C-alpha atoms as a PDB file:
ATOM      1  CA  MET A   1     113.943 127.033  45.806  1.00  0.00           C
ATOM      2  CA  LEU A   2     116.620 127.672  48.455  1.00  0.00           C
ATOM      3  CA  LEU A   3     114.606 128.144  51.895  1.00  0.00           C
ATOM      4  CA  LYS A   4     116.101 130.874  54.022  1.00  0.00           C
ATOM      5  CA  TYR A   5     115.582 128.591  57.211  1.00  0.00           C
ATOM      6  CA  GLN A   6     116.698 125.503  55.390  1.00  0.00           C
ATOM      7  CA  HIS A   7     118.371 124.225  58.775  1.00  0.00           C
ATOM      8  CA  TYR A   8     114.885 123.924  60.597  1.00  0.00           C
ATOM      9  CA  TYR A   9     113.699 121.533  57.753  1.00  0.00           C
ATOM     10  CA  GLN A  10     115.157 118.383  59.073  1.00  0.00           C
ATOM     11  CA  HIS A  11     113.142 115.268  59.680  1.00  0.00           C
ATOM     12  CA  TRP A  12     112.586 114.427  63.251  1.00  0.00           C
ATOM     13  CA  ASN A  13     112.923 110.835  64.546  1.00  0.00           C
ATOM     14  CA  VAL A  14     109.360 110.946  66.125  1.00  0.00           C
ATOM     15  CA  PHE A  15     105.895 110.178  64.704  1.00  0.00           C
ATOM     16  CA  VAL A  16     103.535 112.946  64.271  1.00  0.00           C
ATOM     17  CA  GLN A  17     100.303 112.339  63.469  1.00  0.00           C
ATOM     18  CA  ILE A  18      98.682 114.563  61.227  1.00  0.00           C
ATOM     19  CA  LEU A  19      94.801 115.496  61.030  1.00  0.00           C
ATOM     20  CA  ALA A  20      93.576 117.583  58.032  1.00  0.00           C
ATOM     21  CA  LEU A  21      90.419 119.714  58.022  1.00  0.00           C
ATOM     22  CA  GLN A  22      89.465 121.818  55.124  1.00  0.00           C
ATOM     23  CA  SER A  23      86.616 123.586  56.994  1.00  0.00           C
ATOM     24  CA  GLY A  24      85.319 125.937  54.300  1.00  0.00           C
ATOM     25  CA  PRO A  25      83.335 129.323  55.219  1.00  0.00           C
ATOM     26  CA  LEU A  26      82.508 129.867  58.705  1.00  0.00           C
ATOM     27  CA  SER A  27      81.693 132.905  60.812  1.00  0.00           C
ATOM     28  CA  GLY A  28      84.702 134.572  62.372  1.00  0.00           C
ATOM     29  CA  ILE A  29      83.418 133.512  65.872  1.00  0.00           C
ATOM     30  CA  ASP A  30      83.065 129.968  64.931  1.00  0.00           C
ATOM     31  CA  ASN A  31      86.692 130.149  62.980  1.00  0.00           C
ATOM     32  CA  MET A  32      88.538 131.464  66.141  1.00  0.00           C
ATOM     33  CA  ALA A  33      86.494 129.434  68.632  1.00  0.00           C
ATOM     34  CA  LEU A  34      87.505 126.226  66.686  1.00  0.00           C
ATOM     35  CA  ASP A  35      91.334 127.036  66.352  1.00  0.00           C
ATOM     36  CA  GLU A  36      91.262 127.546  70.181  1.00  0.00           C
ATOM     37  CA  GLY A  37      89.245 124.662  71.137  1.00  0.00           C
ATOM     38  CA  LEU A  38      91.524 122.579  68.785  1.00  0.00           C
ATOM     39  CA  LEU A  39      94.673 123.835  70.449  1.00  0.00           C
ATOM     40  CA  GLU A  40      93.265 122.934  73.826  1.00  0.00           C
ATOM     41  CA  TRP A  41      92.475 119.536  72.477  1.00  0.00           C
ATOM     42  CA  VAL A  42      95.949 119.044  71.209  1.00  0.00           C
ATOM     43  CA  ARG A  43      97.533 120.285  74.586  1.00  0.00           C
ATOM     44  CA  ALA A  44      95.532 117.508  76.254  1.00  0.00           C
ATOM     45  CA  GLN A  45      97.198 114.605  73.922  1.00  0.00           C
ATOM     46  CA  ALA A  46      99.834 112.319  75.316  1.00  0.00           C
ATOM     47  CA  SER A  47     101.474 111.716  71.784  1.00  0.00           C
ATOM     48  CA  PRO A  48     102.364 114.409  68.895  1.00  0.00           C
ATOM     49  CA  VAL A  49      99.918 115.636  66.806  1.00  0.00           C
ATOM     50  CA  LEU A  50      99.452 118.418  64.119  1.00  0.00           C
ATOM     51  CA  ILE A  51      96.039 119.548  62.899  1.00  0.00           C
ATOM     52  CA  VAL A  52      96.463 121.177  59.283  1.00  0.00           C
ATOM     53  CA  ARG A  53      93.309 123.179  58.485  1.00  0.00           C
ATOM     54  CA  THR A  54      92.298 125.559  55.938  1.00  0.00           C
ATOM     55  CA  TYR A  55      89.194 127.644  56.003  1.00  0.00           C
ATOM     56  CA  GLN A  56      87.571 130.791  54.870  1.00  0.00           C
ATOM     57  CA  TRP A  57      84.788 133.552  56.154  1.00  0.00           C
ATOM     58  CA  GLN A  58      80.994 133.422  55.516  1.00  0.00           C
ATOM     59  CA  ALA A  59      81.482 137.442  55.234  1.00  0.00           C
ATOM     60  CA  PRO A  60      83.947 140.099  55.277  1.00  0.00           C
ATOM     61  CA  THR A  61      85.363 139.991  58.745  1.00  0.00           C
ATOM     62  CA  LEU A  62      88.055 142.026  60.287  1.00  0.00           C
ATOM     63  CA  SER A  63      90.050 140.065  62.585  1.00  0.00           C
ATOM     64  CA  LEU A  64      92.368 141.953  65.240  1.00  0.00           C
ATOM     65  CA  GLY A  65      95.453 140.608  66.714  1.00  0.00           C
ATOM     66  CA  VAL A  66      94.955 139.362  70.566  1.00  0.00           C
ATOM     67  CA  HIS A  67      96.900 142.547  71.824  1.00  0.00           C
ATOM     68  CA  GLN A  68      95.369 145.059  69.400  1.00  0.00           C
ATOM     69  CA  LYS A  69      94.144 148.209  70.756  1.00  0.00           C
ATOM     70  CA  VAL A  70      90.318 148.626  70.141  1.00  0.00           C
ATOM     71  CA  ARG A  71      91.370 152.431  69.519  1.00  0.00           C
ATOM     72  CA  ASP A  72      92.303 151.192  66.170  1.00  0.00           C
ATOM     73  CA  ILE A  73      89.107 150.030  65.193  1.00  0.00           C
ATOM     74  CA  ASP A  74      87.383 153.185  63.962  1.00  0.00           C
ATOM     75  CA  PHE A  75      90.694 153.747  61.498  1.00  0.00           C
ATOM     76  CA  LEU A  76      90.528 149.925  60.437  1.00  0.00           C
ATOM     77  CA  LEU A  77      86.692 150.066  59.599  1.00  0.00           C
ATOM     78  CA  LYS A  78      87.204 153.137  57.552  1.00  0.00           C
ATOM     79  CA  PHE A  79      90.574 151.742  56.115  1.00  0.00           C
ATOM     80  CA  TYR A  80      89.044 148.924  54.866  1.00  0.00           C
ATOM     81  CA  GLY A  81      85.488 150.037  54.339  1.00  0.00           C
ATOM     82  CA  GLN A  82      86.491 152.376  51.452  1.00  0.00           C
ATOM     83  CA  ASN A  83      86.294 149.493  49.222  1.00  0.00           C
ATOM     84  CA  GLU A  84      83.829 146.972  50.564  1.00  0.00           C
ATOM     85  CA  PRO A  85      81.500 147.052  53.703  1.00  0.00           C
ATOM     86  CA  VAL A  86      82.961 144.945  57.004  1.00  0.00           C
ATOM     87  CA  HIS A  87      80.306 142.827  58.306  1.00  0.00           C
ATOM     88  CA  ALA A  88      81.869 141.411  61.594  1.00  0.00           C
ATOM     89  CA  VAL A  89      84.604 141.819  63.754  1.00  0.00           C
ATOM     90  CA  VAL A  90      86.496 139.239  65.673  1.00  0.00           C
ATOM     91  CA  ARG A  91      89.549 139.166  67.790  1.00  0.00           C
ATOM     92  CA  ARG A  92      92.073 136.334  67.116  1.00  0.00           C
ATOM     93  CA  PRO A  93      93.690 134.291  70.062  1.00  0.00           C
ATOM     94  CA  THR A  94      96.933 135.136  68.145  1.00  0.00           C
ATOM     95  CA  GLY A  95      98.900 138.128  67.875  1.00  0.00           C
ATOM     96  CA  GLY A  96      99.615 140.177  64.864  1.00  0.00           C
ATOM     97  CA  ARG A  97      98.058 143.033  63.126  1.00  0.00           C
ATOM     98  CA  ALA A  98      94.331 143.520  61.331  1.00  0.00           C
ATOM     99  CA  ILE A  99      93.214 141.630  58.495  1.00  0.00           C
ATOM    100  CA  LEU A 100      90.030 141.831  56.603  1.00  0.00           C
ATOM    101  CA  HIS A 101      89.179 138.385  55.748  1.00  0.00           C
ATOM    102  CA  GLY A 102      86.736 137.305  52.572  1.00  0.00           C
ATOM    103  CA  HIS A 103      89.306 137.432  49.729  1.00  0.00           C
ATOM    104  CA  ASP A 104      92.007 135.430  51.492  1.00  0.00           C
ATOM    105  CA  ILE A 105      92.247 131.508  52.295  1.00  0.00           C
ATOM    106  CA  SER A 106      93.231 131.435  55.912  1.00  0.00           C
ATOM    107  CA  TYR A 107      94.701 128.457  57.507  1.00  0.00           C
ATOM    108  CA  ALA A 108      96.245 127.185  60.957  1.00  0.00           C
ATOM    109  CA  PHE A 109      98.732 124.904  62.050  1.00  0.00           C
ATOM    110  CA  ILE A 110      97.950 123.558  65.568  1.00  0.00           C
ATOM    111  CA  THR A 111     100.135 121.145  67.284  1.00  0.00           C
ATOM    112  CA  ASN A 112     101.749 119.785  70.581  1.00  0.00           C
ATOM    113  CA  ALA A 113     104.718 118.176  68.887  1.00  0.00           C
ATOM    114  CA  PRO A 114     107.815 118.633  71.359  1.00  0.00           C
ATOM    115  CA  GLU A 115     110.055 119.571  68.566  1.00  0.00           C
ATOM    116  CA  SER A 116     108.262 122.508  67.540  1.00  0.00           C
ATOM    117  CA  LEU A 117     107.490 123.781  71.034  1.00  0.00           C
ATOM    118  CA  ARG A 118     111.400 123.514  71.839  1.00  0.00           C
ATOM    119  CA  LEU A 119     111.986 126.164  68.726  1.00  0.00           C
ATOM    120  CA  PRO A 120     112.328 129.643  69.857  1.00  0.00           C
ATOM    121  CA  LEU A 121     109.594 131.827  68.654  1.00  0.00           C
ATOM    122  CA  LYS A 122     111.263 133.088  65.471  1.00  0.00           C
ATOM    123  CA  GLU A 123     112.368 129.223  64.430  1.00  0.00           C
ATOM    124  CA  ALA A 124     108.863 128.215  65.193  1.00  0.00           C
ATOM    125  CA  TYR A 125     107.346 130.783  62.989  1.00  0.00           C
ATOM    126  CA  ALA A 126     109.923 129.901  60.428  1.00  0.00           C
ATOM    127  CA  LEU A 127     109.032 126.119  60.488  1.00  0.00           C
ATOM    128  CA  TYR A 128     105.552 126.536  59.426  1.00  0.00           C
ATOM    129  CA  ALA A 129     105.489 129.390  57.261  1.00  0.00           C
ATOM    130  CA  GLY A 130     108.472 127.326  55.461  1.00  0.00           C
ATOM    131  CA  LEU A 131     105.774 124.776  55.124  1.00  0.00           C
ATOM    132  CA  THR A 132     103.409 127.268  53.400  1.00  0.00           C
ATOM    133  CA  GLN A 133     106.419 128.401  51.246  1.00  0.00           C
ATOM    134  CA  ARG A 134     106.738 124.577  49.906  1.00  0.00           C
ATOM    135  CA  ALA A 135     102.977 124.508  49.110  1.00  0.00           C
ATOM    136  CA  LEU A 136     102.701 127.525  47.279  1.00  0.00           C
ATOM    137  CA  THR A 137     105.950 126.951  45.442  1.00  0.00           C
ATOM    138  CA  ARG A 138     104.563 123.278  44.721  1.00  0.00           C
ATOM    139  CA  LEU A 139     101.595 125.203  43.310  1.00  0.00           C
ATOM    140  CA  GLU A 140     104.095 127.228  40.858  1.00  0.00           C
ATOM    141  CA  MET A 141     103.821 130.223  42.792  1.00  0.00           C
ATOM    142  CA  PRO A 142     107.393 131.127  44.063  1.00  0.00           C
ATOM    143  CA  VAL A 143     107.340 133.056  47.361  1.00  0.00           C
ATOM    144  CA  ARG A 144     110.337 134.201  49.619  1.00  0.00           C
ATOM    145  CA  PHE A 145     110.594 135.175  53.280  1.00  0.00           C
ATOM    146  CA  ALA A 146     110.444 138.970  53.653  1.00  0.00           C
ATOM    147  CA  ASP A 147     113.118 140.999  54.435  1.00  0.00           C
ATOM    148  CA  ALA A 148     113.553 142.185  57.959  1.00  0.00           C
ATOM    149  CA  VAL A 149     112.065 145.777  58.966  1.00  0.00           C
ATOM    150  CA  GLY A 150     112.493 147.567  62.130  1.00  0.00           C
ATOM    151  CA  SER A 151     110.170 147.082  65.004  1.00  0.00           C
ATOM    152  CA  ARG A 152     108.950 150.874  64.700  1.00  0.00           C
ATOM    153  CA  ASP A 153     108.149 150.233  61.036  1.00  0.00           C
ATOM    154  CA  TYR A 154     105.994 147.083  62.025  1.00  0.00           C
ATOM    155  CA  LEU A 155     104.115 148.949  64.860  1.00  0.00           C
ATOM    156  CA  ARG A 156     103.468 152.092  62.773  1.00  0.00           C
ATOM    157  CA  SER A 157     100.600 150.287  60.968  1.00  0.00           C
ATOM    158  CA  PRO A 158      97.745 148.590  62.203  1.00  0.00           C
ATOM    159  CA  VAL A 159      97.208 146.828  59.042  1.00  0.00           C
ATOM    160  CA  CYS A 160      98.723 143.273  58.526  1.00  0.00           C
ATOM    161  CA  PHE A 161      99.259 143.582  54.904  1.00  0.00           C
ATOM    162  CA  GLU A 162     100.523 147.206  54.961  1.00  0.00           C
ATOM    163  CA  THR A 163     103.684 145.805  57.015  1.00  0.00           C
ATOM    164  CA  HIS A 164     105.719 142.691  57.231  1.00  0.00           C
ATOM    165  CA  THR A 165     108.050 140.522  59.368  1.00  0.00           C
ATOM    166  CA  PRO A 166     110.886 138.148  58.338  1.00  0.00           C
ATOM    167  CA  SER A 167     108.363 135.336  58.991  1.00  0.00           C
ATOM    168  CA  ASP A 168     105.859 136.599  56.325  1.00  0.00           C
ATOM    169  CA  LEU A 169     106.013 135.539  52.629  1.00  0.00           C
ATOM    170  CA  VAL A 170     106.259 137.930  49.693  1.00  0.00           C
ATOM    171  CA  ALA A 171     106.057 137.526  46.015  1.00  0.00           C
ATOM    172  CA  MET A 172     109.468 137.790  43.929  1.00  0.00           C
ATOM    173  CA  ASP A 173     108.551 141.318  43.720  1.00  0.00           C
ATOM    174  CA  GLY A 174     108.037 142.111  47.265  1.00  0.00           C
ATOM    175  CA  GLN A 175     104.481 141.994  47.514  1.00  0.00           C
ATOM    176  CA  LYS A 176     103.240 140.568  50.821  1.00  0.00           C
ATOM    177  CA  ILE A 177     101.356 137.269  49.981  1.00  0.00           C
ATOM    178  CA  ALA A 178     100.879 135.589  53.146  1.00  0.00           C
ATOM    179  CA  GLY A 179     101.133 136.749  56.997  1.00  0.00           C
ATOM    180  CA  SER A 180     101.423 134.768  60.031  1.00  0.00           C
ATOM    181  CA  ALA A 181     100.559 134.935  63.627  1.00  0.00           C
ATOM    182  CA  GLN A 182     101.368 132.893  66.673  1.00  0.00           C
ATOM    183  CA  LEU A 183      99.759 131.628  70.194  1.00  0.00           C
ATOM    184  CA  ARG A 184     101.860 129.475  72.544  1.00  0.00           C
ATOM    185  CA  ARG A 185     100.520 127.894  75.681  1.00  0.00           C
ATOM    186  CA  ALA A 186     102.014 125.057  77.690  1.00  0.00           C
ATOM    187  CA  GLY A 187     102.194 122.033  75.595  1.00  0.00           C
ATOM    188  CA  GLY A 188     100.669 123.448  72.483  1.00  0.00           C
ATOM    189  CA  LEU A 189     101.006 125.856  69.687  1.00  0.00           C
ATOM    190  CA  LEU A 190      98.711 127.385  67.126  1.00  0.00           C
ATOM    191  CA  GLN A 191      99.955 129.381  64.020  1.00  0.00           C
ATOM    192  CA  HIS A 192      97.364 131.111  61.911  1.00  0.00           C
ATOM    193  CA  GLY A 193      98.336 132.082  58.486  1.00  0.00           C
ATOM    194  CA  ALA A 194      96.279 134.111  55.697  1.00  0.00           C
ATOM    195  CA  ALA A 195      97.043 134.134  52.084  1.00  0.00           C
ATOM    196  CA  PHE A 196      95.432 136.289  49.292  1.00  0.00           C
ATOM    197  CA  LEU A 197      95.775 134.362  46.319  1.00  0.00           C
ATOM    198  CA  LYS A 198      92.834 135.262  44.155  1.00  0.00           C
ATOM    199  CA  GLY A 199      94.965 136.733  41.288  1.00  0.00           C
ATOM    200  CA  TYR A 200      96.806 133.605  41.379  1.00  0.00           C
ATOM    201  CA  LEU A 201      93.985 131.020  40.623  1.00  0.00           C
ATOM    202  CA  ILE A 202      94.714 129.111  43.848  1.00  0.00           C
ATOM    203  CA  ASP A 203      91.617 128.080  45.705  1.00  0.00           C
ATOM    204  CA  GLU A 204      91.431 126.508  49.101  1.00  0.00           C
ATOM    205  CA  ALA A 205      91.135 123.072  47.941  1.00  0.00           C
ATOM    206  CA  ALA A 206      94.354 123.288  46.180  1.00  0.00           C
ATOM    207  CA  LEU A 207      96.042 125.004  48.873  1.00  0.00           C
ATOM    208  CA  PHE A 208      94.880 122.404  51.450  1.00  0.00           C
ATOM    209  CA  LYS A 209      96.187 119.604  49.183  1.00  0.00           C
ATOM    210  CA  ALA A 210      99.488 121.477  49.011  1.00  0.00           C
ATOM    211  CA  LEU A 211     100.091 122.304  52.825  1.00  0.00           C
ATOM    212  CA  CYS A 212      99.058 118.629  53.858  1.00  0.00           C
ATOM    213  CA  GLN A 213     101.613 117.412  51.462  1.00  0.00           C
ATOM    214  CA  ALA A 214     104.273 119.788  52.690  1.00  0.00           C
ATOM    215  CA  ALA A 215     103.349 118.884  56.446  1.00  0.00           C
ATOM    216  CA  THR A 216     103.440 114.893  55.296  1.00  0.00           C
ATOM    217  CA  GLU A 217     106.843 115.318  53.602  1.00  0.00           C
ATOM    218  CA  HIS A 218     108.522 117.190  56.402  1.00  0.00           C
ATOM    219  CA  PHE A 219     107.216 114.922  59.274  1.00  0.00           C
ATOM    220  CA  GLN A 220     107.504 111.670  57.276  1.00  0.00           C
ATOM    221  CA  SER A 221     103.763 110.750  58.126  1.00  0.00           C
ATOM    222  CA  SER A 222     100.538 110.544  56.439  1.00  0.00           C
ATOM    223  CA  ALA A 223      97.499 112.621  56.937  1.00  0.00           C
ATOM    224  CA  THR A 224      94.051 111.799  58.334  1.00  0.00           C
ATOM    225  CA  ALA A 225      91.114 113.500  57.020  1.00  0.00           C
ATOM    226  CA  LEU A 226      88.970 115.107  59.561  1.00  0.00           C
ATOM    227  CA  SER A 227      85.496 116.311  58.860  1.00  0.00           C
ATOM    228  CA  LEU A 228      84.137 119.544  60.650  1.00  0.00           C
ATOM    229  CA  GLU A 229      81.694 117.553  62.694  1.00  0.00           C
ATOM    230  CA  GLU A 230      84.528 115.528  63.853  1.00  0.00           C
ATOM    231  CA  ALA A 231      86.716 118.523  64.674  1.00  0.00           C
ATOM    232  CA  GLN A 232      83.976 120.339  66.869  1.00  0.00           C
ATOM    233  CA  ALA A 233      83.366 117.016  68.702  1.00  0.00           C
ATOM    234  CA  LEU A 234      87.007 117.301  69.694  1.00  0.00           C
ATOM    235  CA  VAL A 235      86.037 120.532  71.739  1.00  0.00           C
ATOM    236  CA  PRO A 236      83.777 119.844  74.735  1.00  0.00           C
ATOM    237  CA  ASN A 237      83.556 123.566  75.372  1.00  0.00           C
ATOM    238  CA  TRP A 238      82.407 124.251  72.010  1.00  0.00           C
ATOM    239  CA  ALA A 239      79.231 126.457  72.813  1.00  0.00           C
ATOM    240  CA  GLU A 240      81.374 128.146  75.841  1.00  0.00           C
ATOM    241  CA  LEU A 241      84.187 129.266  73.365  1.00  0.00           C
ATOM    242  CA  GLN A 242      81.401 130.443  70.745  1.00  0.00           C
ATOM    243  CA  ALA A 243      79.765 132.586  73.324  1.00  0.00           C
ATOM    244  CA  ARG A 244      83.061 134.019  74.651  1.00  0.00           C
ATOM    245  CA  TYR A 245      84.351 135.291  71.296  1.00  0.00           C
ATOM    246  CA  GLU A 246      80.586 136.455  70.360  1.00  0.00           C
ATOM    247  CA  GLN A 247      80.706 138.724  73.976  1.00  0.00           C
ATOM    248  CA  SER A 248      84.348 139.844  72.890  1.00  0.00           C
ATOM    249  CA  SER A 249      83.227 141.171  69.310  1.00  0.00           C
ATOM    250  CA  THR A 250      80.075 142.608  70.776  1.00  0.00           C
ATOM    251  CA  GLU A 251      82.408 144.518  73.678  1.00  0.00           C
ATOM    252  CA  ILE A 252      84.858 145.777  70.753  1.00  0.00           C
ATOM    253  CA  LEU A 253      81.990 147.287  68.721  1.00  0.00           C
ATOM    254  CA  GLN A 254      80.392 148.680  71.920  1.00  0.00           C
ATOM    255  CA  SER A 255      83.846 150.334  72.820  1.00  0.00           C
ATOM    256  CA  ALA A 256      84.339 151.935  69.424  1.00  0.00           C
ATOM    257  CA  SER A 257      82.419 154.538  67.434  1.00  0.00           C
ATOM    258  CA  THR A 258      80.340 152.518  64.896  1.00  0.00           C
ATOM    259  CA  THR A 259      78.450 155.526  63.900  1.00  0.00           C
ATOM    260  CA  LYS A 260      77.765 156.325  60.063  1.00  0.00           C
ATOM    261  CA  GLY A 261      81.039 156.669  58.430  1.00  0.00           C
ATOM    262  CA  SER A 262      82.858 153.890  60.041  1.00  0.00           C
ATOM    263  CA  HIS A 263      81.694 151.361  57.310  1.00  0.00           C
ATOM    264  CA  LEU A 264      80.567 148.575  59.307  1.00  0.00           C
ATOM    265  CA  VAL A 265      77.610 146.760  58.062  1.00  0.00           C
ATOM    266  CA  PRO A 266      76.691 144.778  61.710  1.00  0.00           C
ATOM    267  CA  ALA A 267      74.032 142.226  60.371  1.00  0.00           C
ATOM    268  CA  SER A 268      76.571 139.361  61.305  1.00  0.00           C
ATOM    269  CA  VAL A 269      78.423 140.286  64.193  1.00  0.00           C
END
């Protein structure tokens, strides 16, 4: 497949250690705490490293972009709650719009590789979305980059999969398949992704393998498996991050109207 950003897929003359983590289902709080904690870990490393992580969610969880307004929460709970209850809410450290997780496969690219950090924002998005495109193509699911939309069109909806950006991946008929959001801090980059693949018979294990293959081919490196326990051990402030995300989730719900009609089932917030 011809890639829209083919010129960013050149192999860099630097060794990048790749760590591969298939987490399986976790709570929204643990998922976000782990991603942020691993970002802080890669920032502290002296040599280039890339973590490729896939994961799922223990219960239907609404994730909000880091800058998303709390006033959106009532609309979002009602919008998503028409089809199934929302059990939890969490704010991502990355940007973007809201997603109801549960039927998607989520993934993250976490790196301190200088070549990635030197790229302008759009090109960095395209690099890692392009690895996802390669992975899905390997799984015999052809996707392409979405067409550009105006900023007003993007901002009109607080729902991620109701709009798109040029770094999102869509099926050939234009249906959005995967969205991305990014966080940059000095010396590190975290790119989140969520792909809705249930109708395409692609499970987490298959996507994990394909993403790792795309990353190792691009960086001309091999991947080392990382267990969930090993990953958590890399994050010395794990309990602190968990507590912060839990407090953030509680404050979001306290600031919003979660009375009857909001479709929230608060059992695992």
